Amino acid sequence: MRPHHGGWVRSTGAGVMYLVLVAVSSGFLAVGFSLMYGISGATKLRDIAISIAARDAWDPVVFLMMATTSVGLLFKISAVPFHMWAPDAYEGAPTTIMAYLSV
């Protein structure tokens, strides 16, 4: 049974788009966090901050780490300019799923 007006098609497309974008943002976060660990050799924020502060201000690895981590986090919270996918995913999803995704 198919709902009227292509509801399944729209929700499937929204779900696939959400899955792809979450996977991409998780990849950016993984790269950023691995660079963060590679720079500092630690997982404590204090040790990471000390290691980053000891490096040159224009170090390209620090820039890449900050850029990939920021992009991943901004995708996750749907902040500008990464907010364009959120309305499509929320509009196509059923109400219960939308409530879960928004929280």
PDB file of N, CA and C in Angstrom:
ATOM      1  N   MET A   1       0.844  -1.184   0.000  1.00  0.00           N
ATOM      2  CA  MET A   1       0.000   0.000   0.000  1.00  0.00           C
ATOM      3  C   MET A   1       0.883   1.238   0.000  1.00  0.00           C
ATOM      4  N   ARG A   2       0.560   2.130  -0.909  1.00  0.00           N
ATOM      5  CA  ARG A   2       1.311   3.381  -0.992  1.00  0.00           C
ATOM      6  C   ARG A   2       0.428   4.524  -0.532  1.00  0.00           C
ATOM      7  N   PRO A   3       0.958   5.404   0.293  1.00  0.00           N
ATOM      8  CA  PRO A   3       0.170   6.568   0.684  1.00  0.00           C
ATOM      9  C   PRO A   3      -0.025   7.511  -0.499  1.00  0.00           C
ATOM     10  N   HIS A   4      -1.028   8.339  -0.400  1.00  0.00           N
ATOM     11  CA  HIS A   4      -1.335   9.276  -1.480  1.00  0.00           C
ATOM     12  C   HIS A   4      -0.248  10.325  -1.610  1.00  0.00           C
ATOM     13  N   HIS A   5      -0.118  10.887  -2.793  1.00  0.00           N
ATOM     14  CA  HIS A   5       0.782  11.991  -3.106  1.00  0.00           C
ATOM     15  C   HIS A   5       2.254  11.631  -2.926  1.00  0.00           C
ATOM     16  N   GLY A   6       2.616  10.399  -3.081  1.00  0.00           N
ATOM     17  CA  GLY A   6       4.020  10.017  -3.044  1.00  0.00           C
ATOM     18  C   GLY A   6       4.683  10.215  -1.697  1.00  0.00           C
ATOM     19  N   GLY A   7       3.971  10.009  -0.617  1.00  0.00           N
ATOM     20  CA  GLY A   7       4.522  10.212   0.719  1.00  0.00           C
ATOM     21  C   GLY A   7       5.714   9.322   1.007  1.00  0.00           C
ATOM     22  N   TRP A   8       5.653   8.072   0.556  1.00  0.00           N
ATOM     23  CA  TRP A   8       6.775   7.158   0.792  1.00  0.00           C
ATOM     24  C   TRP A   8       7.996   7.588  -0.005  1.00  0.00           C
ATOM     25  N   VAL A   9       7.763   8.020  -1.232  1.00  0.00           N
ATOM     26  CA  VAL A   9       8.868   8.438  -2.080  1.00  0.00           C
ATOM     27  C   VAL A   9       9.567   9.648  -1.447  1.00  0.00           C
ATOM     28  N   ARG A  10       8.778  10.589  -0.967  1.00  0.00           N
ATOM     29  CA  ARG A  10       9.347  11.787  -0.362  1.00  0.00           C
ATOM     30  C   ARG A  10      10.075  11.455   0.934  1.00  0.00           C
ATOM     31  N   SER A  11       9.498  10.603   1.757  1.00  0.00           N
ATOM     32  CA  SER A  11      10.150  10.266   3.021  1.00  0.00           C
ATOM     33  C   SER A  11      11.394   9.410   2.785  1.00  0.00           C
ATOM     34  N   THR A  12      11.375   8.564   1.772  1.00  0.00           N
ATOM     35  CA  THR A  12      12.559   7.763   1.453  1.00  0.00           C
ATOM     36  C   THR A  12      13.683   8.661   0.954  1.00  0.00           C
ATOM     37  N   GLY A  13      13.360   9.599   0.093  1.00  0.00           N
ATOM     38  CA  GLY A  13      14.367  10.537  -0.395  1.00  0.00           C
ATOM     39  C   GLY A  13      14.943  11.375   0.735  1.00  0.00           C
ATOM     40  N   ALA A  14      14.091  11.825   1.648  1.00  0.00           N
ATOM     41  CA  ALA A  14      14.565  12.603   2.793  1.00  0.00           C
ATOM     42  C   ALA A  14      15.445  11.752   3.695  1.00  0.00           C
ATOM     43  N   GLY A  15      15.075  10.494   3.875  1.00  0.00           N
ATOM     44  CA  GLY A  15      15.878   9.607   4.717  1.00  0.00           C
ATOM     45  C   GLY A  15      17.238   9.310   4.126  1.00  0.00           C
ATOM     46  N   VAL A  16      17.280   9.100   2.825  1.00  0.00           N
ATOM     47  CA  VAL A  16      18.563   8.840   2.162  1.00  0.00           C
ATOM     48  C   VAL A  16      19.442  10.085   2.221  1.00  0.00           C
ATOM     49  N   MET A  17      18.848  11.250   1.997  1.00  0.00           N
ATOM     50  CA  MET A  17      19.617  12.490   2.062  1.00  0.00           C
ATOM     51  C   MET A  17      20.167  12.697   3.477  1.00  0.00           C
ATOM     52  N   TYR A  18      19.356  12.445   4.477  1.00  0.00           N
ATOM     53  CA  TYR A  18      19.802  12.589   5.862  1.00  0.00           C
ATOM     54  C   TYR A  18      20.932  11.602   6.159  1.00  0.00           C
ATOM     55  N   LEU A  19      20.790  10.370   5.716  1.00  0.00           N
ATOM     56  CA  LEU A  19      21.808   9.352   5.953  1.00  0.00           C
ATOM     57  C   LEU A  19      23.136   9.736   5.306  1.00  0.00           C
ATOM     58  N   VAL A  20      23.098  10.208   4.073  1.00  0.00           N
ATOM     59  CA  VAL A  20      24.322  10.587   3.368  1.00  0.00           C
ATOM     60  C   VAL A  20      24.990  11.776   4.052  1.00  0.00           C
ATOM     61  N   LEU A  21      24.211  12.790   4.403  1.00  0.00           N
ATOM     62  CA  LEU A  21      24.803  13.973   5.011  1.00  0.00           C
ATOM     63  C   LEU A  21      25.324  13.702   6.415  1.00  0.00           C
ATOM     64  N   VAL A  22      24.669  12.843   7.154  1.00  0.00           N
ATOM     65  CA  VAL A  22      25.174  12.471   8.478  1.00  0.00           C
ATOM     66  C   VAL A  22      26.469  11.668   8.326  1.00  0.00           C
ATOM     67  N   ALA A  23      26.533  10.819   7.330  1.00  0.00           N
ATOM     68  CA  ALA A  23      27.766  10.056   7.100  1.00  0.00           C
ATOM     69  C   ALA A  23      28.914  10.979   6.708  1.00  0.00           C
ATOM     70  N   VAL A  24      28.646  11.968   5.868  1.00  0.00           N
ATOM     71  CA  VAL A  24      29.685  12.918   5.468  1.00  0.00           C
ATOM     72  C   VAL A  24      30.146  13.733   6.670  1.00  0.00           C
ATOM     73  N   SER A  25      29.206  14.215   7.472  1.00  0.00           N
ATOM     74  CA  SER A  25      29.600  15.009   8.638  1.00  0.00           C
ATOM     75  C   SER A  25      30.354  14.160   9.656  1.00  0.00           C
ATOM     76  N   SER A  26      29.991  12.907   9.800  1.00  0.00           N
ATOM     77  CA  SER A  26      30.732  12.018  10.694  1.00  0.00           C
ATOM     78  C   SER A  26      32.146  11.786  10.177  1.00  0.00           C
ATOM     79  N   GLY A  27      32.300  11.713   8.871  1.00  0.00           N
ATOM     80  CA  GLY A  27      33.635  11.583   8.285  1.00  0.00           C
ATOM     81  C   GLY A  27      34.500  12.802   8.566  1.00  0.00           C
ATOM     82  N   PHE A  28      33.925  14.003   8.415  1.00  0.00           N
ATOM     83  CA  PHE A  28      34.665  15.220   8.741  1.00  0.00           C
ATOM     84  C   PHE A  28      35.066  15.236  10.216  1.00  0.00           C
ATOM     85  N   LEU A  29      34.138  14.860  11.093  1.00  0.00           N
ATOM     86  CA  LEU A  29      34.460  14.820  12.518  1.00  0.00           C
ATOM     87  C   LEU A  29      35.559  13.808  12.807  1.00  0.00           C
ATOM     88  N   ALA A  30      35.496  12.658  12.180  1.00  0.00           N
ATOM     89  CA  ALA A  30      36.513  11.626  12.413  1.00  0.00           C
ATOM     90  C   ALA A  30      37.895  12.103  11.968  1.00  0.00           C
ATOM     91  N   VAL A  31      37.961  12.780  10.828  1.00  0.00           N
ATOM     92  CA  VAL A  31      39.237  13.313  10.361  1.00  0.00           C
ATOM     93  C   VAL A  31      39.739  14.385  11.324  1.00  0.00           C
ATOM     94  N   GLY A  32      38.859  15.286  11.734  1.00  0.00           N
ATOM     95  CA  GLY A  32      39.259  16.346  12.652  1.00  0.00           C
ATOM     96  C   GLY A  32      39.729  15.811  13.985  1.00  0.00           C
ATOM     97  N   PHE A  33      38.987  14.838  14.529  1.00  0.00           N
ATOM     98  CA  PHE A  33      39.370  14.267  15.820  1.00  0.00           C
ATOM     99  C   PHE A  33      40.656  13.452  15.707  1.00  0.00           C
ATOM    100  N   SER A  34      40.859  12.766  14.588  1.00  0.00           N
ATOM    101  CA  SER A  34      42.096  11.996  14.440  1.00  0.00           C
ATOM    102  C   SER A  34      43.298  12.929  14.290  1.00  0.00           C
ATOM    103  N   LEU A  35      43.130  14.051  13.600  1.00  0.00           N
ATOM    104  CA  LEU A  35      44.204  15.037  13.527  1.00  0.00           C
ATOM    105  C   LEU A  35      44.478  15.645  14.904  1.00  0.00           C
ATOM    106  N   MET A  36      43.406  15.871  15.660  1.00  0.00           N
ATOM    107  CA  MET A  36      43.550  16.408  17.006  1.00  0.00           C
ATOM    108  C   MET A  36      44.353  15.448  17.884  1.00  0.00           C
ATOM    109  N   TYR A  37      44.050  14.181  17.783  1.00  0.00           N
ATOM    110  CA  TYR A  37      44.804  13.183  18.541  1.00  0.00           C
ATOM    111  C   TYR A  37      46.225  13.058  18.014  1.00  0.00           C
ATOM    112  N   GLY A  38      46.382  13.139  16.699  1.00  0.00           N
ATOM    113  CA  GLY A  38      47.713  13.045  16.116  1.00  0.00           C
ATOM    114  C   GLY A  38      48.619  14.195  16.522  1.00  0.00           C
ATOM    115  N   ILE A  39      48.059  15.385  16.654  1.00  0.00           N
ATOM    116  CA  ILE A  39      48.846  16.547  17.066  1.00  0.00           C
ATOM    117  C   ILE A  39      49.258  16.436  18.527  1.00  0.00           C
ATOM    118  N   SER A  40      48.309  16.012  19.370  1.00  0.00           N
ATOM    119  CA  SER A  40      48.564  16.063  20.807  1.00  0.00           C
ATOM    120  C   SER A  40      48.951  14.722  21.415  1.00  0.00           C
ATOM    121  N   GLY A  41      48.488  13.638  20.846  1.00  0.00           N
ATOM    122  CA  GLY A  41      48.741  12.323  21.439  1.00  0.00           C
ATOM    123  C   GLY A  41      47.932  12.095  22.704  1.00  0.00           C
ATOM    124  N   ALA A  42      46.866  12.884  22.879  1.00  0.00           N
ATOM    125  CA  ALA A  42      46.058  12.790  24.096  1.00  0.00           C
ATOM    126  C   ALA A  42      44.586  12.976  23.743  1.00  0.00           C
ATOM    127  N   THR A  43      43.742  12.606  24.681  1.00  0.00           N
ATOM    128  CA  THR A  43      42.311  12.822  24.505  1.00  0.00           C
ATOM    129  C   THR A  43      41.746  13.833  25.499  1.00  0.00           C
ATOM    130  N   LYS A  44      42.543  14.307  26.402  1.00  0.00           N
ATOM    131  CA  LYS A  44      42.090  15.324  27.358  1.00  0.00           C
ATOM    132  C   LYS A  44      42.167  16.698  26.703  1.00  0.00           C
ATOM    133  N   LEU A  45      41.124  17.491  26.900  1.00  0.00           N
ATOM    134  CA  LEU A  45      41.060  18.796  26.254  1.00  0.00           C
ATOM    135  C   LEU A  45      42.205  19.710  26.685  1.00  0.00           C
ATOM    136  N   ARG A  46      42.603  19.637  27.941  1.00  0.00           N
ATOM    137  CA  ARG A  46      43.706  20.468  28.423  1.00  0.00           C
ATOM    138  C   ARG A  46      44.997  20.126  27.677  1.00  0.00           C
ATOM    139  N   ASP A  47      45.286  18.855  27.530  1.00  0.00           N
ATOM    140  CA  ASP A  47      46.503  18.437  26.818  1.00  0.00           C
ATOM    141  C   ASP A  47      46.449  18.818  25.342  1.00  0.00           C
ATOM    142  N   ILE A  48      45.273  18.705  24.748  1.00  0.00           N
ATOM    143  CA  ILE A  48      45.110  19.095  23.345  1.00  0.00           C
ATOM    144  C   ILE A  48      45.344  20.595  23.192  1.00  0.00           C
ATOM    145  N   ALA A  49      44.767  21.397  24.091  1.00  0.00           N
ATOM    146  CA  ALA A  49      44.941  22.851  24.025  1.00  0.00           C
ATOM    147  C   ALA A  49      46.407  23.243  24.192  1.00  0.00           C
ATOM    148  N   ILE A  50      47.114  22.576  25.091  1.00  0.00           N
ATOM    149  CA  ILE A  50      48.535  22.870  25.298  1.00  0.00           C
ATOM    150  C   ILE A  50      49.340  22.523  24.046  1.00  0.00           C
ATOM    151  N   SER A  51      49.041  21.392  23.434  1.00  0.00           N
ATOM    152  CA  SER A  51      49.760  20.978  22.224  1.00  0.00           C
ATOM    153  C   SER A  51      49.501  21.922  21.062  1.00  0.00           C
ATOM    154  N   ILE A  52      48.271  22.373  20.914  1.00  0.00           N
ATOM    155  CA  ILE A  52      47.942  23.297  19.823  1.00  0.00           C
ATOM    156  C   ILE A  52      48.590  24.653  20.072  1.00  0.00           C
ATOM    157  N   ALA A  53      48.595  25.112  21.326  1.00  0.00           N
ATOM    158  CA  ALA A  53      49.193  26.403  21.655  1.00  0.00           C
ATOM    159  C   ALA A  53      50.706  26.395  21.427  1.00  0.00           C
ATOM    160  N   ALA A  54      51.333  25.247  21.548  1.00  0.00           N
ATOM    161  CA  ALA A  54      52.782  25.151  21.367  1.00  0.00           C
ATOM    162  C   ALA A  54      53.182  25.178  19.887  1.00  0.00           C
ATOM    163  N   ARG A  55      52.231  24.979  19.003  1.00  0.00           N
ATOM    164  CA  ARG A  55      52.543  24.951  17.573  1.00  0.00           C
ATOM    165  C   ARG A  55      52.485  26.356  16.989  1.00  0.00           C
ATOM    166  N   ASP A  56      53.004  26.494  15.774  1.00  0.00           N
ATOM    167  CA  ASP A  56      52.991  27.765  15.070  1.00  0.00           C
ATOM    168  C   ASP A  56      51.551  28.206  14.811  1.00  0.00           C
ATOM    169  N   ALA A  57      51.302  29.509  14.855  1.00  0.00           N
ATOM    170  CA  ALA A  57      49.946  30.035  14.669  1.00  0.00           C
ATOM    171  C   ALA A  57      49.389  29.737  13.278  1.00  0.00           C
ATOM    172  N   TRP A  58      50.241  29.595  12.281  1.00  0.00           N
ATOM    173  CA  TRP A  58      49.795  29.340  10.917  1.00  0.00           C
ATOM    174  C   TRP A  58      50.088  27.911  10.477  1.00  0.00           C
ATOM    175  N   ASP A  59      50.117  27.004  11.404  1.00  0.00           N
ATOM    176  CA  ASP A  59      50.391  25.601  11.089  1.00  0.00           C
ATOM    177  C   ASP A  59      49.240  25.029  10.262  1.00  0.00           C
ATOM    178  N   PRO A  60      49.521  24.506   9.061  1.00  0.00           N
ATOM    179  CA  PRO A  60      48.435  23.998   8.213  1.00  0.00           C
ATOM    180  C   PRO A  60      47.717  22.787   8.805  1.00  0.00           C
ATOM    181  N   VAL A  61      48.392  21.987   9.611  1.00  0.00           N
ATOM    182  CA  VAL A  61      47.733  20.821  10.216  1.00  0.00           C
ATOM    183  C   VAL A  61      46.702  21.280  11.251  1.00  0.00           C
ATOM    184  N   VAL A  62      47.045  22.308  12.014  1.00  0.00           N
ATOM    185  CA  VAL A  62      46.093  22.852  12.995  1.00  0.00           C
ATOM    186  C   VAL A  62      44.901  23.462  12.271  1.00  0.00           C
ATOM    187  N   PHE A  63      45.166  24.168  11.174  1.00  0.00           N
ATOM    188  CA  PHE A  63      44.069  24.737  10.388  1.00  0.00           C
ATOM    189  C   PHE A  63      43.163  23.646   9.837  1.00  0.00           C
ATOM    190  N   LEU A  64      43.756  22.594   9.286  1.00  0.00           N
ATOM    191  CA  LEU A  64      42.960  21.492   8.747  1.00  0.00           C
ATOM    192  C   LEU A  64      42.148  20.810   9.844  1.00  0.00           C
ATOM    193  N   MET A  65      42.765  20.631  11.015  1.00  0.00           N
ATOM    194  CA  MET A  65      42.060  20.021  12.141  1.00  0.00           C
ATOM    195  C   MET A  65      40.866  20.869  12.561  1.00  0.00           C
ATOM    196  N   MET A  66      41.074  22.171  12.695  1.00  0.00           N
ATOM    197  CA  MET A  66      39.988  23.065  13.112  1.00  0.00           C
ATOM    198  C   MET A  66      38.897  23.141  12.035  1.00  0.00           C
ATOM    199  N   ALA A  67      39.298  23.165  10.779  1.00  0.00           N
ATOM    200  CA  ALA A  67      38.324  23.262   9.691  1.00  0.00           C
ATOM    201  C   ALA A  67      37.459  22.008   9.608  1.00  0.00           C
ATOM    202  N   THR A  68      38.071  20.843   9.636  1.00  0.00           N
ATOM    203  CA  THR A  68      37.273  19.616   9.503  1.00  0.00           C
ATOM    204  C   THR A  68      36.394  19.378  10.733  1.00  0.00           C
ATOM    205  N   THR A  69      36.902  19.686  11.912  1.00  0.00           N
ATOM    206  CA  THR A  69      36.089  19.535  13.115  1.00  0.00           C
ATOM    207  C   THR A  69      34.924  20.511  13.102  1.00  0.00           C
ATOM    208  N   SER A  70      35.173  21.751  12.699  1.00  0.00           N
ATOM    209  CA  SER A  70      34.106  22.755  12.642  1.00  0.00           C
ATOM    210  C   SER A  70      33.043  22.388  11.620  1.00  0.00           C
ATOM    211  N   VAL A  71      33.473  21.948  10.441  1.00  0.00           N
ATOM    212  CA  VAL A  71      32.514  21.559   9.405  1.00  0.00           C
ATOM    213  C   VAL A  71      31.655  20.397   9.894  1.00  0.00           C
ATOM    214  N   GLY A  72      32.269  19.401  10.514  1.00  0.00           N
ATOM    215  CA  GLY A  72      31.502  18.263  11.024  1.00  0.00           C
ATOM    216  C   GLY A  72      30.496  18.666  12.078  1.00  0.00           C
ATOM    217  N   LEU A  73      30.893  19.520  13.011  1.00  0.00           N
ATOM    218  CA  LEU A  73      29.971  19.959  14.067  1.00  0.00           C
ATOM    219  C   LEU A  73      28.865  20.850  13.513  1.00  0.00           C
ATOM    220  N   LEU A  74      29.197  21.742  12.579  1.00  0.00           N
ATOM    221  CA  LEU A  74      28.177  22.610  11.998  1.00  0.00           C
ATOM    222  C   LEU A  74      27.165  21.818  11.173  1.00  0.00           C
ATOM    223  N   PHE A  75      27.610  20.756  10.489  1.00  0.00           N
ATOM    224  CA  PHE A  75      26.675  19.874   9.804  1.00  0.00           C
ATOM    225  C   PHE A  75      25.746  19.210  10.804  1.00  0.00           C
ATOM    226  N   LYS A  76      26.300  18.745  11.913  1.00  0.00           N
ATOM    227  CA  LYS A  76      25.500  18.017  12.894  1.00  0.00           C
ATOM    228  C   LYS A  76      24.403  18.879  13.506  1.00  0.00           C
ATOM    229  N   ILE A  77      24.692  20.169  13.745  1.00  0.00           N
ATOM    230  CA  ILE A  77      23.672  21.023  14.365  1.00  0.00           C
ATOM    231  C   ILE A  77      22.879  21.829  13.343  1.00  0.00           C
ATOM    232  N   SER A  78      23.101  21.588  12.071  1.00  0.00           N
ATOM    233  CA  SER A  78      22.395  22.255  10.960  1.00  0.00           C
ATOM    234  C   SER A  78      22.562  23.763  11.013  1.00  0.00           C
ATOM    235  N   ALA A  79      23.759  24.230  11.299  1.00  0.00           N
ATOM    236  CA  ALA A  79      24.027  25.665  11.345  1.00  0.00           C
ATOM    237  C   ALA A  79      24.326  26.194   9.944  1.00  0.00           C
ATOM    238  N   VAL A  80      24.139  27.482   9.772  1.00  0.00           N
ATOM    239  CA  VAL A  80      24.438  28.130   8.498  1.00  0.00           C
ATOM    240  C   VAL A  80      25.926  27.986   8.237  1.00  0.00           C
ATOM    241  N   PRO A  81      26.385  27.648   7.084  1.00  0.00           N
ATOM    242  CA  PRO A  81      25.716  27.456   5.803  1.00  0.00           C
ATOM    243  C   PRO A  81      25.341  25.999   5.520  1.00  0.00           C
ATOM    244  N   PHE A  82      25.356  25.158   6.523  1.00  0.00           N
ATOM    245  CA  PHE A  82      25.061  23.728   6.328  1.00  0.00           C
ATOM    246  C   PHE A  82      23.617  23.377   6.686  1.00  0.00           C
ATOM    247  N   HIS A  83      22.743  24.350   6.699  1.00  0.00           N
ATOM    248  CA  HIS A  83      21.369  24.154   7.135  1.00  0.00           C
ATOM    249  C   HIS A  83      20.413  23.790   6.005  1.00  0.00           C
ATOM    250  N   MET A  84      20.879  23.788   4.777  1.00  0.00           N
ATOM    251  CA  MET A  84      19.968  23.629   3.643  1.00  0.00           C
ATOM    252  C   MET A  84      19.334  22.243   3.548  1.00  0.00           C
ATOM    253  N   TRP A  85      19.969  21.214   4.106  1.00  0.00           N
ATOM    254  CA  TRP A  85      19.422  19.873   4.014  1.00  0.00           C
ATOM    255  C   TRP A  85      18.340  19.625   5.058  1.00  0.00           C
ATOM    256  N   ALA A  86      18.358  20.348   6.148  1.00  0.00           N
ATOM    257  CA  ALA A  86      17.462  20.070   7.276  1.00  0.00           C
ATOM    258  C   ALA A  86      15.976  20.200   6.924  1.00  0.00           C
ATOM    259  N   PRO A  87      15.527  21.278   6.260  1.00  0.00           N
ATOM    260  CA  PRO A  87      14.086  21.354   5.965  1.00  0.00           C
ATOM    261  C   PRO A  87      13.587  20.211   5.096  1.00  0.00           C
ATOM    262  N   ASP A  88      14.391  19.776   4.122  1.00  0.00           N
ATOM    263  CA  ASP A  88      13.965  18.670   3.263  1.00  0.00           C
ATOM    264  C   ASP A  88      13.842  17.376   4.055  1.00  0.00           C
ATOM    265  N   ALA A  89      14.805  17.114   4.918  1.00  0.00           N
ATOM    266  CA  ALA A  89      14.765  15.877   5.702  1.00  0.00           C
ATOM    267  C   ALA A  89      13.618  15.913   6.703  1.00  0.00           C
ATOM    268  N   TYR A  90      13.390  17.053   7.329  1.00  0.00           N
ATOM    269  CA  TYR A  90      12.316  17.152   8.321  1.00  0.00           C
ATOM    270  C   TYR A  90      10.943  17.143   7.660  1.00  0.00           C
ATOM    271  N   GLU A  91      10.828  17.755   6.485  1.00  0.00           N
ATOM    272  CA  GLU A  91       9.539  17.792   5.802  1.00  0.00           C
ATOM    273  C   GLU A  91       9.121  16.420   5.290  1.00  0.00           C
ATOM    274  N   GLY A  92      10.094  15.637   4.827  1.00  0.00           N
ATOM    275  CA  GLY A  92       9.767  14.341   4.267  1.00  0.00           C
ATOM    276  C   GLY A  92       9.580  13.248   5.292  1.00  0.00           C
ATOM    277  N   ALA A  93      10.043  13.472   6.515  1.00  0.00           N
ATOM    278  CA  ALA A  93       9.973  12.434   7.540  1.00  0.00           C
ATOM    279  C   ALA A  93       8.620  12.443   8.240  1.00  0.00           C
ATOM    280  N   PRO A  94       8.180  11.285   8.705  1.00  0.00           N
ATOM    281  CA  PRO A  94       6.963  11.239   9.521  1.00  0.00           C
ATOM    282  C   PRO A  94       7.166  12.011  10.828  1.00  0.00           C
ATOM    283  N   THR A  95       6.089  12.401  11.471  1.00  0.00           N
ATOM    284  CA  THR A  95       6.150  13.250  12.656  1.00  0.00           C
ATOM    285  C   THR A  95       6.964  12.627  13.779  1.00  0.00           C
ATOM    286  N   THR A  96       6.810  11.330  14.010  1.00  0.00           N
ATOM    287  CA  THR A  96       7.568  10.700  15.097  1.00  0.00           C
ATOM    288  C   THR A  96       9.057  10.704  14.826  1.00  0.00           C
ATOM    289  N   ILE A  97       9.438  10.472  13.598  1.00  0.00           N
ATOM    290  CA  ILE A  97      10.857  10.483  13.227  1.00  0.00           C
ATOM    291  C   ILE A  97      11.395  11.909  13.287  1.00  0.00           C
ATOM    292  N   MET A  98      10.605  12.874  12.837  1.00  0.00           N
ATOM    293  CA  MET A  98      11.038  14.262  12.884  1.00  0.00           C
ATOM    294  C   MET A  98      11.270  14.711  14.326  1.00  0.00           C
ATOM    295  N   ALA A  99      10.415  14.286  15.225  1.00  0.00           N
ATOM    296  CA  ALA A  99      10.599  14.645  16.633  1.00  0.00           C
ATOM    297  C   ALA A  99      11.886  14.033  17.175  1.00  0.00           C
ATOM    298  N   TYR A 100      12.187  12.815  16.784  1.00  0.00           N
ATOM    299  CA  TYR A 100      13.431  12.166  17.213  1.00  0.00           C
ATOM    300  C   TYR A 100      14.648  12.882  16.648  1.00  0.00           C
ATOM    301  N   LEU A 101      14.612  13.256  15.360  1.00  0.00           N
ATOM    302  CA  LEU A 101      15.751  13.903  14.723  1.00  0.00           C
ATOM    303  C   LEU A 101      15.998  15.291  15.297  1.00  0.00           C
ATOM    304  N   SER A 102      14.943  16.008  15.624  1.00  0.00           N
ATOM    305  CA  SER A 102      15.121  17.383  16.100  1.00  0.00           C
ATOM    306  C   SER A 102      15.628  17.446  17.527  1.00  0.00           C
ATOM    307  N   VAL A 103      15.487  16.361  18.269  1.00  0.00           N
ATOM    308  CA  VAL A 103      15.981  16.354  19.646  1.00  0.00           C
ATOM    309  C   VAL A 103      17.346  15.751  19.649  1.00  0.00           C
TER     310      VAL A 103
END
